[in-house]
PDB file of N, CA and C in Angstrom:
ATOM      1  N   MET A   1     -62.233 206.367  49.740  1.00  0.00           N
ATOM      2  CA  MET A   1     -63.474 206.816  49.085  1.00  0.00           C
ATOM      3  C   MET A   1     -62.839 207.113  48.012  1.00  0.00           C
ATOM      4  N   MET A   2     -64.035 206.524  47.189  1.00  0.00           N
ATOM      5  CA  MET A   2     -63.782 206.244  45.594  1.00  0.00           C
ATOM      6  C   MET A   2     -64.124 207.746  44.602  1.00  0.00           C
ATOM      7  N   ARG A   3     -63.107 208.289  44.090  1.00  0.00           N
ATOM      8  CA  ARG A   3     -64.040 209.451  43.547  1.00  0.00           C
ATOM      9  C   ARG A   3     -65.061 209.050  42.299  1.00  0.00           C
ATOM     10  N   LYS A   4     -66.711 209.597  41.905  1.00  0.00           N
ATOM     11  CA  LYS A   4     -67.510 209.823  41.659  1.00  0.00           C
ATOM     12  C   LYS A   4     -67.316 209.711  40.125  1.00  0.00           C
ATOM     13  N   ILE A   5     -66.526 210.083  39.120  1.00  0.00           N
ATOM     14  CA  ILE A   5     -66.012 209.699  38.579  1.00  0.00           C
ATOM     15  C   ILE A   5     -65.748 208.584  37.739  1.00  0.00           C
ATOM     16  N   ASP A   6     -64.642 208.096  39.285  1.00  0.00           N
ATOM     17  CA  ASP A   6     -64.328 206.662  38.868  1.00  0.00           C
ATOM     18  C   ASP A   6     -64.949 205.416  38.972  1.00  0.00           C
ATOM     19  N   LYS A   7     -66.112 205.995  39.668  1.00  0.00           N
ATOM     20  CA  LYS A   7     -68.240 205.545  40.338  1.00  0.00           C
ATOM     21  C   LYS A   7     -68.347 205.110  38.367  1.00  0.00           C
ATOM     22  N   GLU A   8     -68.782 206.263  38.135  1.00  0.00           N
ATOM     23  CA  GLU A   8     -69.256 205.950  36.804  1.00  0.00           C
ATOM     24  C   GLU A   8     -68.868 204.819  35.864  1.00  0.00           C
ATOM     25  N   ARG A   9     -67.517 205.301  35.598  1.00  0.00           N
ATOM     26  CA  ARG A   9     -66.821 204.554  34.507  1.00  0.00           C
ATOM     27  C   ARG A   9     -67.129 203.109  35.215  1.00  0.00           C
ATOM     28  N   ARG A  10     -67.127 202.530  36.592  1.00  0.00           N
ATOM     29  CA  ARG A  10     -67.295 202.384  36.537  1.00  0.00           C
ATOM     30  C   ARG A  10     -68.553 201.471  36.249  1.00  0.00           C
ATOM     31  N   ILE A  11     -69.762 201.872  36.478  1.00  0.00           N
ATOM     32  CA  ILE A  11     -70.965 201.324  35.973  1.00  0.00           C
ATOM     33  C   ILE A  11     -70.859 201.191  34.447  1.00  0.00           C
ATOM     34  N   LEU A  12     -70.385 202.354  33.650  1.00  0.00           N
ATOM     35  CA  LEU A  12     -70.669 202.417  32.446  1.00  0.00           C
ATOM     36  C   LEU A  12     -69.905 201.024  31.855  1.00  0.00           C
ATOM     37  N   THR A  13     -68.184 200.894  32.258  1.00  0.00           N
ATOM     38  CA  THR A  13     -68.249 199.403  32.147  1.00  0.00           C
ATOM     39  C   THR A  13     -68.800 198.450  31.594  1.00  0.00           C
ATOM     40  N   LEU A  14     -69.358 197.987  33.613  1.00  0.00           N
ATOM     41  CA  LEU A  14     -70.154 196.854  33.607  1.00  0.00           C
ATOM     42  C   LEU A  14     -71.264 196.990  32.246  1.00  0.00           C
ATOM     43  N   MET A  15     -71.853 198.084  32.517  1.00  0.00           N
ATOM     44  CA  MET A  15     -73.436 198.314  31.268  1.00  0.00           C
ATOM     45  C   MET A  15     -72.954 197.589  29.862  1.00  0.00           C
ATOM     46  N   VAL A  16     -71.615 198.182  29.768  1.00  0.00           N
ATOM     47  CA  VAL A  16     -71.476 198.083  28.188  1.00  0.00           C
ATOM     48  C   VAL A  16     -71.136 195.838  27.974  1.00  0.00           C
ATOM     49  N   ARG A  17     -70.862 195.809  29.017  1.00  0.00           N
ATOM     50  CA  ARG A  17     -70.378 194.405  28.809  1.00  0.00           C
ATOM     51  C   ARG A  17     -70.842 193.501  29.436  1.00  0.00           C
ATOM     52  N   ILE A  18     -72.365 193.409  30.407  1.00  0.00           N
ATOM     53  CA  ILE A  18     -73.690 193.257  29.997  1.00  0.00           C
ATOM     54  C   ILE A  18     -74.236 193.340  29.205  1.00  0.00           C
ATOM     55  N   TYR A  19     -74.666 193.967  28.194  1.00  0.00           N
ATOM     56  CA  TYR A  19     -75.354 194.371  26.372  1.00  0.00           C
ATOM     57  C   TYR A  19     -74.141 193.599  26.131  1.00  0.00           C
ATOM     58  N   CYS A  20     -73.211 193.926  26.004  1.00  0.00           N
ATOM     59  CA  CYS A  20     -72.326 192.934  24.673  1.00  0.00           C
ATOM     60  C   CYS A  20     -72.384 191.792  24.811  1.00  0.00           C
ATOM     61  N   ARG A  21     -72.789 190.981  26.419  1.00  0.00           N
ATOM     62  CA  ARG A  21     -72.702 189.759  26.369  1.00  0.00           C
ATOM     63  C   ARG A  21     -74.189 188.597  26.501  1.00  0.00           C
ATOM     64  N   LYS A  22     -75.231 190.067  25.904  1.00  0.00           N
ATOM     65  CA  LYS A  22     -77.129 189.467  26.095  1.00  0.00           C
ATOM     66  C   LYS A  22     -77.238 189.465  24.473  1.00  0.00           C
ATOM     67  N   LYS A  23     -76.640 190.638  24.270  1.00  0.00           N
ATOM     68  CA  LYS A  23     -76.963 190.597  22.725  1.00  0.00           C
ATOM     69  C   LYS A  23     -76.134 190.738  21.469  1.00  0.00           C
ATOM     70  N   HIS A  24     -74.965 190.564  21.372  1.00  0.00           N
ATOM     71  CA  HIS A  24     -73.500 189.659  21.267  1.00  0.00           C
ATOM     72  C   HIS A  24     -73.113 188.768  21.216  1.00  0.00           C
ATOM     73  N   ARG A  25     -73.657 188.321  22.327  1.00  0.00           N
ATOM     74  CA  ARG A  25     -73.560 186.816  22.795  1.00  0.00           C
ATOM     75  C   ARG A  25     -71.393 186.714  23.383  1.00  0.00           C
ATOM     76  N   SER A  26     -71.066 187.339  23.244  1.00  0.00           N
ATOM     77  CA  SER A  26     -69.840 187.839  23.337  1.00  0.00           C
ATOM     78  C   SER A  26     -69.412 188.261  25.169  1.00  0.00           C
ATOM     79  N   GLN A  27     -68.344 187.007  25.330  1.00  0.00           N
ATOM     80  CA  GLN A  27     -67.155 186.824  26.651  1.00  0.00           C
ATOM     81  C   GLN A  27     -66.668 188.070  26.941  1.00  0.00           C
ATOM     82  N   ASP A  28     -66.048 188.487  26.082  1.00  0.00           N
ATOM     83  CA  ASP A  28     -65.418 190.027  25.798  1.00  0.00           C
ATOM     84  C   ASP A  28     -65.999 190.587  25.285  1.00  0.00           C
ATOM     85  N   LEU A  29     -65.416 191.736  25.145  1.00  0.00           N
ATOM     86  CA  LEU A  29     -66.493 192.751  24.243  1.00  0.00           C
ATOM     87  C   LEU A  29     -66.126 193.114  22.794  1.00  0.00           C
ATOM     88  N   CYS A  30     -66.787 192.613  22.409  1.00  0.00           N
ATOM     89  CA  CYS A  30     -66.933 192.940  20.405  1.00  0.00           C
ATOM     90  C   CYS A  30     -66.133 194.049  20.398  1.00  0.00           C
ATOM     91  N   ASP A  31     -65.547 194.330  19.344  1.00  0.00           N
ATOM     92  CA  ASP A  31     -65.311 195.048  19.098  1.00  0.00           C
ATOM     93  C   ASP A  31     -66.378 196.371  17.999  1.00  0.00           C
ATOM     94  N   GLU A  32     -67.150 196.706  18.347  1.00  0.00           N
ATOM     95  CA  GLU A  32     -68.324 197.524  18.281  1.00  0.00           C
ATOM     96  C   GLU A  32     -68.574 197.912  19.790  1.00  0.00           C
ATOM     97  N   CYS A  33     -68.673 197.652  20.370  1.00  0.00           N
ATOM     98  CA  CYS A  33     -69.505 197.909  21.904  1.00  0.00           C
ATOM     99  C   CYS A  33     -67.854 198.062  22.849  1.00  0.00           C
ATOM    100  N   GLN A  34     -66.580 198.322  22.401  1.00  0.00           N
ATOM    101  CA  GLN A  34     -65.301 198.355  23.144  1.00  0.00           C
ATOM    102  C   GLN A  34     -65.041 199.132  22.458  1.00  0.00           C
ATOM    103  N   ALA A  35     -65.172 199.933  20.756  1.00  0.00           N
ATOM    104  CA  ALA A  35     -65.043 201.250  20.223  1.00  0.00           C
ATOM    105  C   ALA A  35     -65.850 202.430  21.377  1.00  0.00           C
ATOM    106  N   LEU A  36     -67.522 201.860  21.892  1.00  0.00           N
ATOM    107  CA  LEU A  36     -68.165 202.312  22.281  1.00  0.00           C
ATOM    108  C   LEU A  36     -67.683 202.691  23.151  1.00  0.00           C
ATOM    109  N   LEU A  37     -66.984 201.660  24.080  1.00  0.00           N
ATOM    110  CA  LEU A  37     -67.009 201.692  26.093  1.00  0.00           C
ATOM    111  C   LEU A  37     -66.034 202.960  25.619  1.00  0.00           C
ATOM    112  N   SER A  38     -64.233 202.872  24.699  1.00  0.00           N
ATOM    113  CA  SER A  38     -63.548 203.647  24.910  1.00  0.00           C
ATOM    114  C   SER A  38     -63.836 205.266  25.012  1.00  0.00           C
ATOM    115  N   TYR A  39     -64.855 205.322  23.317  1.00  0.00           N
ATOM    116  CA  TYR A  39     -64.950 206.609  22.647  1.00  0.00           C
ATOM    117  C   TYR A  39     -65.841 207.436  24.448  1.00  0.00           C
ATOM    118  N   ALA A  40     -66.858 206.042  25.039  1.00  0.00           N
ATOM    119  CA  ALA A  40     -67.242 207.045  26.863  1.00  0.00           C
ATOM    120  C   ALA A  40     -66.530 206.707  27.598  1.00  0.00           C
ATOM    121  N   LEU A  41     -65.631 206.522  27.145  1.00  0.00           N
ATOM    122  CA  LEU A  41     -64.845 206.785  28.979  1.00  0.00           C
ATOM    123  C   LEU A  41     -64.258 207.594  28.310  1.00  0.00           C
ATOM    124  N   ASN A  42     -63.585 207.916  27.360  1.00  0.00           N
ATOM    125  CA  ASN A  42     -62.978 209.287  27.245  1.00  0.00           C
ATOM    126  C   ASN A  42     -63.284 210.723  27.340  1.00  0.00           C
ATOM    127  N   ARG A  43     -65.237 210.382  27.087  1.00  0.00           N
ATOM    128  CA  ARG A  43     -66.059 211.573  27.396  1.00  0.00           C
ATOM    129  C   ARG A  43     -66.024 211.750  28.274  1.00  0.00           C
ATOM    130  N   LEU A  44     -65.887 210.791  29.512  1.00  0.00           N
ATOM    131  CA  LEU A  44     -66.311 211.382  30.342  1.00  0.00           C
ATOM    132  C   LEU A  44     -65.236 211.242  31.768  1.00  0.00           C
ATOM    133  N   ASP A  45     -64.248 211.119  30.961  1.00  0.00           N
ATOM    134  CA  ASP A  45     -63.022 211.592  31.442  1.00  0.00           C
ATOM    135  C   ASP A  45     -62.508 213.443  31.197  1.00  0.00           C
ATOM    136  N   HIS A  46     -63.044 214.189  30.026  1.00  0.00           N
ATOM    137  CA  HIS A  46     -63.288 215.570  29.748  1.00  0.00           C
ATOM    138  C   HIS A  46     -64.414 216.048  30.122  1.00  0.00           C
ATOM    139  N   CYS A  47     -65.166 215.580  30.156  1.00  0.00           N
ATOM    140  CA  CYS A  47     -66.353 215.574  31.286  1.00  0.00           C
ATOM    141  C   CYS A  47     -66.753 216.843  31.786  1.00  0.00           C
ATOM    142  N   HIS A  48     -66.545 218.455  31.569  1.00  0.00           N
ATOM    143  CA  HIS A  48     -65.949 219.439  32.700  1.00  0.00           C
ATOM    144  C   HIS A  48     -67.380 220.224  33.877  1.00  0.00           C
ATOM    145  N   TYR A  49     -67.774 218.554  33.797  1.00  0.00           N
ATOM    146  CA  TYR A  49     -68.282 219.345  35.061  1.00  0.00           C
ATOM    147  C   TYR A  49     -67.896 217.924  36.746  1.00  0.00           C
ATOM    148  N   GLY A  50     -66.713 217.191  35.673  1.00  0.00           N
ATOM    149  CA  GLY A  50     -65.776 216.803  37.047  1.00  0.00           C
ATOM    150  C   GLY A  50     -66.866 215.895  37.769  1.00  0.00           C
ATOM    151  N   GLU A  51     -66.435 216.654  39.481  1.00  0.00           N
ATOM    152  CA  GLU A  51     -66.683 215.640  40.338  1.00  0.00           C
ATOM    153  C   GLU A  51     -68.376 215.999  40.440  1.00  0.00           C
ATOM    154  N   ASN A  52     -68.793 217.447  39.800  1.00  0.00           N
ATOM    155  CA  ASN A  52     -70.070 217.180  39.753  1.00  0.00           C
ATOM    156  C   ASN A  52     -71.028 217.287  38.709  1.00  0.00           C
ATOM    157  N   LYS A  53     -70.795 215.887  38.513  1.00  0.00           N
ATOM    158  CA  LYS A  53     -71.369 215.416  37.372  1.00  0.00           C
ATOM    159  C   LYS A  53     -72.770 214.802  37.759  1.00  0.00           C
ATOM    160  N   GLY A  54     -74.142 215.128  37.327  1.00  0.00           N
ATOM    161  CA  GLY A  54     -75.295 214.122  37.285  1.00  0.00           C
ATOM    162  C   GLY A  54     -75.070 212.978  36.069  1.00  0.00           C
ATOM    163  N   PHE A  55     -76.120 212.363  36.503  1.00  0.00           N
ATOM    164  CA  PHE A  55     -76.793 211.342  35.332  1.00  0.00           C
ATOM    165  C   PHE A  55     -76.713 212.109  33.932  1.00  0.00           C
ATOM    166  N   CYS A  56     -76.089 211.541  32.806  1.00  0.00           N
ATOM    167  CA  CYS A  56     -75.398 212.239  31.115  1.00  0.00           C
ATOM    168  C   CYS A  56     -77.045 212.070  30.988  1.00  0.00           C
ATOM    169  N   SER A  57     -78.161 211.176  31.070  1.00  0.00           N
ATOM    170  CA  SER A  57     -79.461 212.160  30.498  1.00  0.00           C
ATOM    171  C   SER A  57     -79.949 213.468  31.033  1.00  0.00           C
ATOM    172  N   GLN A  58     -79.607 213.904  32.093  1.00  0.00           N
ATOM    173  CA  GLN A  58     -80.278 215.303  32.814  1.00  0.00           C
ATOM    174  C   GLN A  58     -79.425 216.308  32.250  1.00  0.00           C
ATOM    175  N   CYS A  59     -77.966 215.224  31.639  1.00  0.00           N
ATOM    176  CA  CYS A  59     -76.631 216.557  31.071  1.00  0.00           C
ATOM    177  C   CYS A  59     -77.184 218.204  30.798  1.00  0.00           C
ATOM    178  N   PRO A  60     -77.306 219.404  30.294  1.00  0.00           N
ATOM    179  CA  PRO A  60     -77.964 220.815  29.805  1.00  0.00           C
ATOM    180  C   PRO A  60     -76.955 220.261  28.489  1.00  0.00           C
ATOM    181  N   SER A  61     -75.443 220.547  28.240  1.00  0.00           N
ATOM    182  CA  SER A  61     -74.877 219.946  27.371  1.00  0.00           C
ATOM    183  C   SER A  61     -73.641 218.798  27.083  1.00  0.00           C
ATOM    184  N   HIS A  62     -74.435 217.948  26.049  1.00  0.00           N
ATOM    185  CA  HIS A  62     -74.156 216.480  25.380  1.00  0.00           C
ATOM    186  C   HIS A  62     -73.820 216.821  25.211  1.00  0.00           C
ATOM    187  N   CYS A  63     -71.929 215.572  25.533  1.00  0.00           N
ATOM    188  CA  CYS A  63     -70.744 215.669  24.652  1.00  0.00           C
ATOM    189  C   CYS A  63     -70.308 214.469  24.389  1.00  0.00           C
ATOM    190  N   TYR A  64     -71.653 213.929  23.571  1.00  0.00           N
ATOM    191  CA  TYR A  64     -71.390 212.434  22.758  1.00  0.00           C
ATOM    192  C   TYR A  64     -72.121 212.968  21.108  1.00  0.00           C
ATOM    193  N   ASN A  65     -71.385 211.964  20.297  1.00  0.00           N
ATOM    194  CA  ASN A  65     -71.467 212.633  19.032  1.00  0.00           C
ATOM    195  C   ASN A  65     -73.207 212.070  19.299  1.00  0.00           C
ATOM    196  N   LYS A  66     -74.046 212.269  17.725  1.00  0.00           N
ATOM    197  CA  LYS A  66     -75.257 212.078  17.665  1.00  0.00           C
ATOM    198  C   LYS A  66     -75.718 209.622  18.038  1.00  0.00           C
ATOM    199  N   GLU A  67     -74.311 209.605  16.781  1.00  0.00           N
ATOM    200  CA  GLU A  67     -74.637 208.548  16.040  1.00  0.00           C
ATOM    201  C   GLU A  67     -74.671 207.699  18.113  1.00  0.00           C
ATOM    202  N   ASN A  68     -73.357 207.751  18.631  1.00  0.00           N
ATOM    203  CA  ASN A  68     -73.070 207.815  20.061  1.00  0.00           C
ATOM    204  C   ASN A  68     -73.921 207.523  21.283  1.00  0.00           C
ATOM    205  N   GLN A  69     -74.901 209.124  20.992  1.00  0.00           N
ATOM    206  CA  GLN A  69     -75.591 209.306  21.918  1.00  0.00           C
ATOM    207  C   GLN A  69     -76.416 208.383  21.623  1.00  0.00           C
ATOM    208  N   VAL A  70     -77.469 207.420  20.332  1.00  0.00           N
ATOM    209  CA  VAL A  70     -77.847 207.461  20.147  1.00  0.00           C
ATOM    210  C   VAL A  70     -76.929 205.406  20.386  1.00  0.00           C
ATOM    211  N   LYS A  71     -76.017 204.660  20.597  1.00  0.00           N
ATOM    212  CA  LYS A  71     -75.816 203.506  20.842  1.00  0.00           C
ATOM    213  C   LYS A  71     -76.095 203.633  21.799  1.00  0.00           C
ATOM    214  N   ILE A  72     -75.237 204.213  23.322  1.00  0.00           N
ATOM    215  CA  ILE A  72     -75.195 204.404  24.139  1.00  0.00           C
ATOM    216  C   ILE A  72     -76.560 204.691  24.827  1.00  0.00           C
ATOM    217  N   ARG A  73     -78.229 205.064  24.892  1.00  0.00           N
ATOM    218  CA  ARG A  73     -78.997 204.917  25.699  1.00  0.00           C
ATOM    219  C   ARG A  73     -79.475 203.794  24.944  1.00  0.00           C
ATOM    220  N   GLU A  74     -79.159 203.002  24.421  1.00  0.00           N
ATOM    221  CA  GLU A  74     -79.910 201.377  23.541  1.00  0.00           C
ATOM    222  C   GLU A  74     -78.564 200.428  24.696  1.00  0.00           C
ATOM    223  N   VAL A  75     -77.552 201.375  24.818  1.00  0.00           N
ATOM    224  CA  VAL A  75     -77.261 200.009  26.578  1.00  0.00           C
ATOM    225  C   VAL A  75     -77.574 200.468  26.993  1.00  0.00           C
ATOM    226  N   MET A  76     -77.676 201.967  27.776  1.00  0.00           N
ATOM    227  CA  MET A  76     -78.197 202.027  28.939  1.00  0.00           C
ATOM    228  C   MET A  76     -79.542 201.433  29.119  1.00  0.00           C
ATOM    229  N   GLY A  77     -80.574 201.404  28.422  1.00  0.00           N
ATOM    230  CA  GLY A  77     -81.648 201.330  28.435  1.00  0.00           C
ATOM    231  C   GLY A  77     -81.422 199.477  28.104  1.00  0.00           C
ATOM    232  N   PHE A  78     -80.352 198.389  28.232  1.00  0.00           N
ATOM    233  CA  PHE A  78     -81.270 198.040  27.459  1.00  0.00           C
ATOM    234  C   PHE A  78     -80.414 196.982  29.288  1.00  0.00           C
ATOM    235  N   SER A  79     -78.911 197.161  29.556  1.00  0.00           N
ATOM    236  CA  SER A  79     -78.851 197.002  31.121  1.00  0.00           C
ATOM    237  C   SER A  79     -78.871 196.916  32.133  1.00  0.00           C
ATOM    238  N   GLY A  80     -79.524 198.441  32.367  1.00  0.00           N
ATOM    239  CA  GLY A  80     -79.922 199.538  33.493  1.00  0.00           C
ATOM    240  C   GLY A  80     -80.716 198.490  34.378  1.00  0.00           C
ATOM    241  N   PRO A  81     -82.394 198.597  33.463  1.00  0.00           N
ATOM    242  CA  PRO A  81     -82.529 196.976  34.699  1.00  0.00           C
ATOM    243  C   PRO A  81     -82.238 196.207  35.067  1.00  0.00           C
ATOM    244  N   ARG A  82     -81.057 195.757  33.992  1.00  0.00           N
ATOM    245  CA  ARG A  82     -81.237 194.076  34.926  1.00  0.00           C
ATOM    246  C   ARG A  82     -79.591 194.575  35.322  1.00  0.00           C
ATOM    247  N   MET A  83     -78.939 195.309  35.850  1.00  0.00           N
ATOM    248  CA  MET A  83     -78.544 195.890  36.579  1.00  0.00           C
ATOM    249  C   MET A  83     -78.608 194.906  38.303  1.00  0.00           C
ATOM    250  N   ILE A  84     -79.566 195.489  37.896  1.00  0.00           N
ATOM    251  CA  ILE A  84     -79.838 194.686  39.416  1.00  0.00           C
ATOM    252  C   ILE A  84     -79.610 193.682  39.858  1.00  0.00           C
ATOM    253  N   PHE A  85     -79.690 192.818  39.441  1.00  0.00           N
ATOM    254  CA  PHE A  85     -79.291 191.082  39.289  1.00  0.00           C
ATOM    255  C   PHE A  85     -78.017 191.234  39.132  1.00  0.00           C
ATOM    256  N   TYR A  86     -77.012 191.444  38.756  1.00  0.00           N
ATOM    257  CA  TYR A  86     -76.211 191.595  38.771  1.00  0.00           C
ATOM    258  C   TYR A  86     -75.272 192.977  39.760  1.00  0.00           C
ATOM    259  N   HIS A  87     -75.241 193.995  40.354  1.00  0.00           N
ATOM    260  CA  HIS A  87     -75.120 194.336  40.857  1.00  0.00           C
ATOM    261  C   HIS A  87     -75.193 196.077  41.357  1.00  0.00           C
ATOM    262  N   PRO A  88     -76.417 195.191  42.765  1.00  0.00           N
ATOM    263  CA  PRO A  88     -77.636 195.169  43.395  1.00  0.00           C
ATOM    264  C   PRO A  88     -77.432 196.814  44.075  1.00  0.00           C
ATOM    265  N   VAL A  89     -76.592 196.518  44.895  1.00  0.00           N
ATOM    266  CA  VAL A  89     -75.368 197.424  45.729  1.00  0.00           C
ATOM    267  C   VAL A  89     -75.280 198.470  44.934  1.00  0.00           C
ATOM    268  N   MET A  90     -74.621 198.499  43.865  1.00  0.00           N
ATOM    269  CA  MET A  90     -73.990 199.606  43.676  1.00  0.00           C
ATOM    270  C   MET A  90     -75.210 200.163  42.919  1.00  0.00           C
ATOM    271  N   VAL A  91     -76.062 199.107  42.049  1.00  0.00           N
ATOM    272  CA  VAL A  91     -77.163 200.912  41.741  1.00  0.00           C
ATOM    273  C   VAL A  91     -78.584 201.182  42.990  1.00  0.00           C
ATOM    274  N   ILE A  92     -78.147 201.118  43.686  1.00  0.00           N
ATOM    275  CA  ILE A  92     -78.995 201.731  44.918  1.00  0.00           C
ATOM    276  C   ILE A  92     -78.723 202.711  45.348  1.00  0.00           C
ATOM    277  N   ARG A  93     -76.874 202.117  45.683  1.00  0.00           N
ATOM    278  CA  ARG A  93     -76.103 204.208  45.665  1.00  0.00           C
ATOM    279  C   ARG A  93     -75.850 204.466  44.366  1.00  0.00           C
ATOM    280  N   HIS A  94     -75.768 204.085  43.428  1.00  0.00           N
ATOM    281  CA  HIS A  94     -75.929 204.566  42.128  1.00  0.00           C
ATOM    282  C   HIS A  94     -77.291 206.616  42.389  1.00  0.00           C
ATOM    283  N   LEU A  95     -77.862 205.131  42.175  1.00  0.00           N
ATOM    284  CA  LEU A  95     -78.916 205.570  42.425  1.00  0.00           C
ATOM    285  C   LEU A  95     -79.623 206.767  43.088  1.00  0.00           C
ATOM    286  N   LEU A  96     -79.084 206.791  44.696  1.00  0.00           N
ATOM    287  CA  LEU A  96     -78.730 208.295  45.098  1.00  0.00           C
ATOM    288  C   LEU A  96     -78.215 208.839  45.403  1.00  0.00           C
ATOM    289  N   SER A  97     -76.786 208.781  44.295  1.00  0.00           N
ATOM    290  CA  SER A  97     -75.717 209.855  44.339  1.00  0.00           C
ATOM    291  C   SER A  97     -76.727 211.342  44.209  1.00  0.00           C
TER     292      SER A  97
END
């Protein structure tokens, strides 16, 4: 069974890829999106809630700096609704967790 953090990493990566593909018209991640993804994955790896973490938007202690918090919110707001078309089963599982 896949660990929760690994699932979060996978979802985050997919969301950034969808965002970059649609907004920046890039098949590979552009430098800006790659930097954001690296930052977000690093923060996820160091989340002090570990396997007990919930949604970042519901977290009482935000670990993103303000600039990246705004960027990741934009990515999630854009990609979140579109995920249902790309990975419907993953979205349903994520929402039920």
